[in-house]
Amino acid sequence: MDYSKSGNPKGARSTLRGPDHAQKGAPKSVKPPRETQEELLARMKAAAAEKKAAKKDDKA
C-alpha cells in the first residue's frame, strides 16, 4: 500500500502571500504617548474624589 497517497493533501509550499502582506514603505504604527506617574496619580485622585462626592450625595 502506498501510504504517501493517504490523508489530507499537502498545501502549496511556495505561494506568494499577495500584495498587501508586509508592503515596503507602509506607514509605521504610532503608539499613543504614555501617561506619566504624576498624571496617573492626579487622575486617580480626581476619580476617587468624584466617587466620594457621589457616595455622599446618595446618602443625603
N, C-alpha and C. Protein backbone atom coordinates (compact mmCIF):
# COMPACT_ATOMS: atom_id res chain seq x y z
N MET A 1 0.84 -1.19 0.00
CA MET A 1 0.00 0.00 0.00
C MET A 1 0.88 1.24 0.00
N ASP A 2 0.46 2.24 -0.76
CA ASP A 2 1.23 3.48 -0.86
C ASP A 2 0.70 4.48 0.17
N TYR A 3 1.41 4.62 1.28
CA TYR A 3 0.95 5.48 2.36
C TYR A 3 1.08 6.97 2.04
N SER A 4 1.85 7.33 1.06
CA SER A 4 2.01 8.74 0.71
C SER A 4 0.73 9.32 0.11
N LYS A 5 -0.15 8.47 -0.39
CA LYS A 5 -1.38 8.95 -1.01
C LYS A 5 -2.53 9.06 -0.01
N SER A 6 -2.37 8.61 1.22
CA SER A 6 -3.45 8.65 2.20
C SER A 6 -3.40 9.95 3.00
N GLY A 7 -4.53 10.34 3.52
CA GLY A 7 -4.58 11.53 4.36
C GLY A 7 -4.91 12.78 3.56
N ASN A 8 -4.80 13.92 4.24
CA ASN A 8 -5.12 15.18 3.59
C ASN A 8 -4.05 15.58 2.60
N PRO A 9 -4.42 16.29 1.56
CA PRO A 9 -3.40 16.75 0.61
C PRO A 9 -2.52 17.82 1.25
N LYS A 10 -1.28 17.86 0.87
CA LYS A 10 -0.37 18.86 1.39
C LYS A 10 -0.58 20.18 0.65
N GLY A 11 -0.48 21.27 1.39
CA GLY A 11 -0.68 22.57 0.79
C GLY A 11 0.49 23.00 -0.06
N ALA A 12 0.27 24.05 -0.82
CA ALA A 12 1.33 24.59 -1.66
C ALA A 12 2.44 25.14 -0.77
N ARG A 13 3.66 24.93 -1.15
CA ARG A 13 4.77 25.30 -0.28
C ARG A 13 5.31 26.71 -0.53
N SER A 14 5.29 27.17 -1.73
CA SER A 14 5.92 28.46 -2.01
C SER A 14 4.94 29.41 -2.69
N THR A 15 3.79 29.61 -2.07
CA THR A 15 2.83 30.53 -2.66
C THR A 15 3.12 31.94 -2.17
N LEU A 16 2.86 32.89 -3.01
CA LEU A 16 3.05 34.28 -2.63
C LEU A 16 1.89 34.71 -1.73
N ARG A 17 2.15 35.59 -0.81
CA ARG A 17 1.13 35.98 0.15
C ARG A 17 0.22 37.08 -0.37
N GLY A 18 0.55 37.69 -1.45
CA GLY A 18 -0.31 38.72 -2.00
C GLY A 18 0.29 40.10 -1.82
N PRO A 19 -0.29 41.09 -2.46
CA PRO A 19 0.31 42.42 -2.45
C PRO A 19 0.19 43.16 -1.11
N ASP A 20 -0.76 42.77 -0.26
CA ASP A 20 -0.97 43.51 0.98
C ASP A 20 -0.06 43.07 2.11
N HIS A 21 0.62 41.96 1.95
CA HIS A 21 1.41 41.43 3.05
C HIS A 21 2.77 42.11 3.13
N ALA A 22 2.99 42.83 4.22
CA ALA A 22 4.28 43.46 4.53
C ALA A 22 4.80 44.31 3.38
N GLN A 23 4.02 45.26 2.98
CA GLN A 23 4.46 46.13 1.90
C GLN A 23 5.56 47.05 2.41
N LYS A 24 6.51 47.32 1.56
CA LYS A 24 7.56 48.25 1.90
C LYS A 24 7.02 49.66 1.78
N GLY A 25 7.48 50.52 2.65
CA GLY A 25 7.07 51.92 2.58
C GLY A 25 5.74 52.19 3.26
N ALA A 26 5.19 51.23 3.96
CA ALA A 26 3.93 51.45 4.67
C ALA A 26 4.19 52.32 5.89
N PRO A 27 3.24 53.16 6.27
CA PRO A 27 3.46 54.00 7.45
C PRO A 27 3.53 53.15 8.72
N LYS A 28 4.43 53.50 9.59
CA LYS A 28 4.60 52.78 10.84
C LYS A 28 3.47 53.13 11.79
N SER A 29 3.06 52.17 12.58
CA SER A 29 2.01 52.44 13.56
C SER A 29 2.61 53.28 14.69
N VAL A 30 1.83 54.22 15.18
CA VAL A 30 2.30 55.12 16.22
C VAL A 30 1.57 54.78 17.51
N LYS A 31 2.34 54.51 18.55
CA LYS A 31 1.74 54.22 19.85
C LYS A 31 1.35 55.53 20.52
N PRO A 32 0.25 55.54 21.24
CA PRO A 32 -0.12 56.76 21.96
C PRO A 32 0.90 57.04 23.06
N PRO A 33 1.11 58.31 23.40
CA PRO A 33 2.11 58.62 24.43
C PRO A 33 1.69 58.06 25.79
N ARG A 34 2.66 57.63 26.54
CA ARG A 34 2.36 57.06 27.86
C ARG A 34 2.11 58.14 28.88
N GLU A 35 1.31 57.81 29.85
CA GLU A 35 0.95 58.74 30.91
C GLU A 35 2.08 58.75 31.96
N THR A 36 2.46 59.94 32.44
CA THR A 36 3.48 60.00 33.47
C THR A 36 2.86 59.60 34.81
N GLN A 37 3.72 59.33 35.77
CA GLN A 37 3.21 58.89 37.07
C GLN A 37 2.42 60.00 37.76
N GLU A 38 2.86 61.26 37.59
CA GLU A 38 2.14 62.38 38.20
C GLU A 38 0.75 62.52 37.60
N GLU A 39 0.65 62.37 36.28
CA GLU A 39 -0.65 62.46 35.63
C GLU A 39 -1.57 61.32 36.07
N LEU A 40 -1.00 60.13 36.21
CA LEU A 40 -1.78 58.99 36.65
C LEU A 40 -2.31 59.20 38.06
N LEU A 41 -1.46 59.66 38.97
CA LEU A 41 -1.89 59.90 40.35
C LEU A 41 -2.96 60.98 40.40
N ALA A 42 -2.79 62.05 39.63
CA ALA A 42 -3.79 63.11 39.61
C ALA A 42 -5.13 62.60 39.10
N ARG A 43 -5.09 61.76 38.07
CA ARG A 43 -6.33 61.20 37.52
C ARG A 43 -7.00 60.27 38.52
N MET A 44 -6.21 59.46 39.23
CA MET A 44 -6.76 58.54 40.22
C MET A 44 -7.37 59.30 41.41
N LYS A 45 -6.69 60.37 41.85
CA LYS A 45 -7.21 61.16 42.96
C LYS A 45 -8.50 61.86 42.57
N ALA A 46 -8.58 62.36 41.35
CA ALA A 46 -9.80 63.02 40.89
C ALA A 46 -10.95 62.02 40.82
N ALA A 47 -10.67 60.81 40.34
CA ALA A 47 -11.71 59.79 40.25
C ALA A 47 -12.18 59.39 41.65
N ALA A 48 -11.25 59.29 42.60
CA ALA A 48 -11.62 58.93 43.97
C ALA A 48 -12.46 60.03 44.60
N ALA A 49 -12.12 61.29 44.35
CA ALA A 49 -12.88 62.41 44.89
C ALA A 49 -14.29 62.43 44.30
N GLU A 50 -14.41 62.16 43.00
CA GLU A 50 -15.73 62.10 42.36
C GLU A 50 -16.59 60.99 42.96
N LYS A 51 -15.97 59.84 43.17
CA LYS A 51 -16.69 58.70 43.72
C LYS A 51 -17.16 59.00 45.15
N LYS A 52 -16.28 59.66 45.92
CA LYS A 52 -16.61 60.01 47.30
C LYS A 52 -17.75 61.02 47.33
N ALA A 53 -17.71 62.01 46.42
CA ALA A 53 -18.77 63.02 46.36
C ALA A 53 -20.09 62.39 45.92
N ALA A 54 -20.04 61.46 45.00
CA ALA A 54 -21.26 60.81 44.53
C ALA A 54 -21.87 59.96 45.65
N LYS A 55 -21.01 59.29 46.40
CA LYS A 55 -21.49 58.47 47.51
C LYS A 55 -22.12 59.35 48.60
N LYS A 56 -21.51 60.52 48.84
CA LYS A 56 -22.01 61.46 49.84
C LYS A 56 -23.37 62.01 49.43
N ASP A 57 -23.53 62.28 48.12
CA ASP A 57 -24.80 62.80 47.61
C ASP A 57 -25.91 61.74 47.71
N ASP A 58 -25.54 60.49 47.51
CA ASP A 58 -26.53 59.40 47.60
C ASP A 58 -27.06 59.21 49.01
N LYS A 59 -26.19 59.44 50.00
CA LYS A 59 -26.60 59.29 51.40
C LYS A 59 -27.58 60.39 51.81
N ALA A 60 -27.34 61.62 51.36
CA ALA A 60 -28.15 62.76 51.78
C ALA A 60 -29.52 62.80 51.16
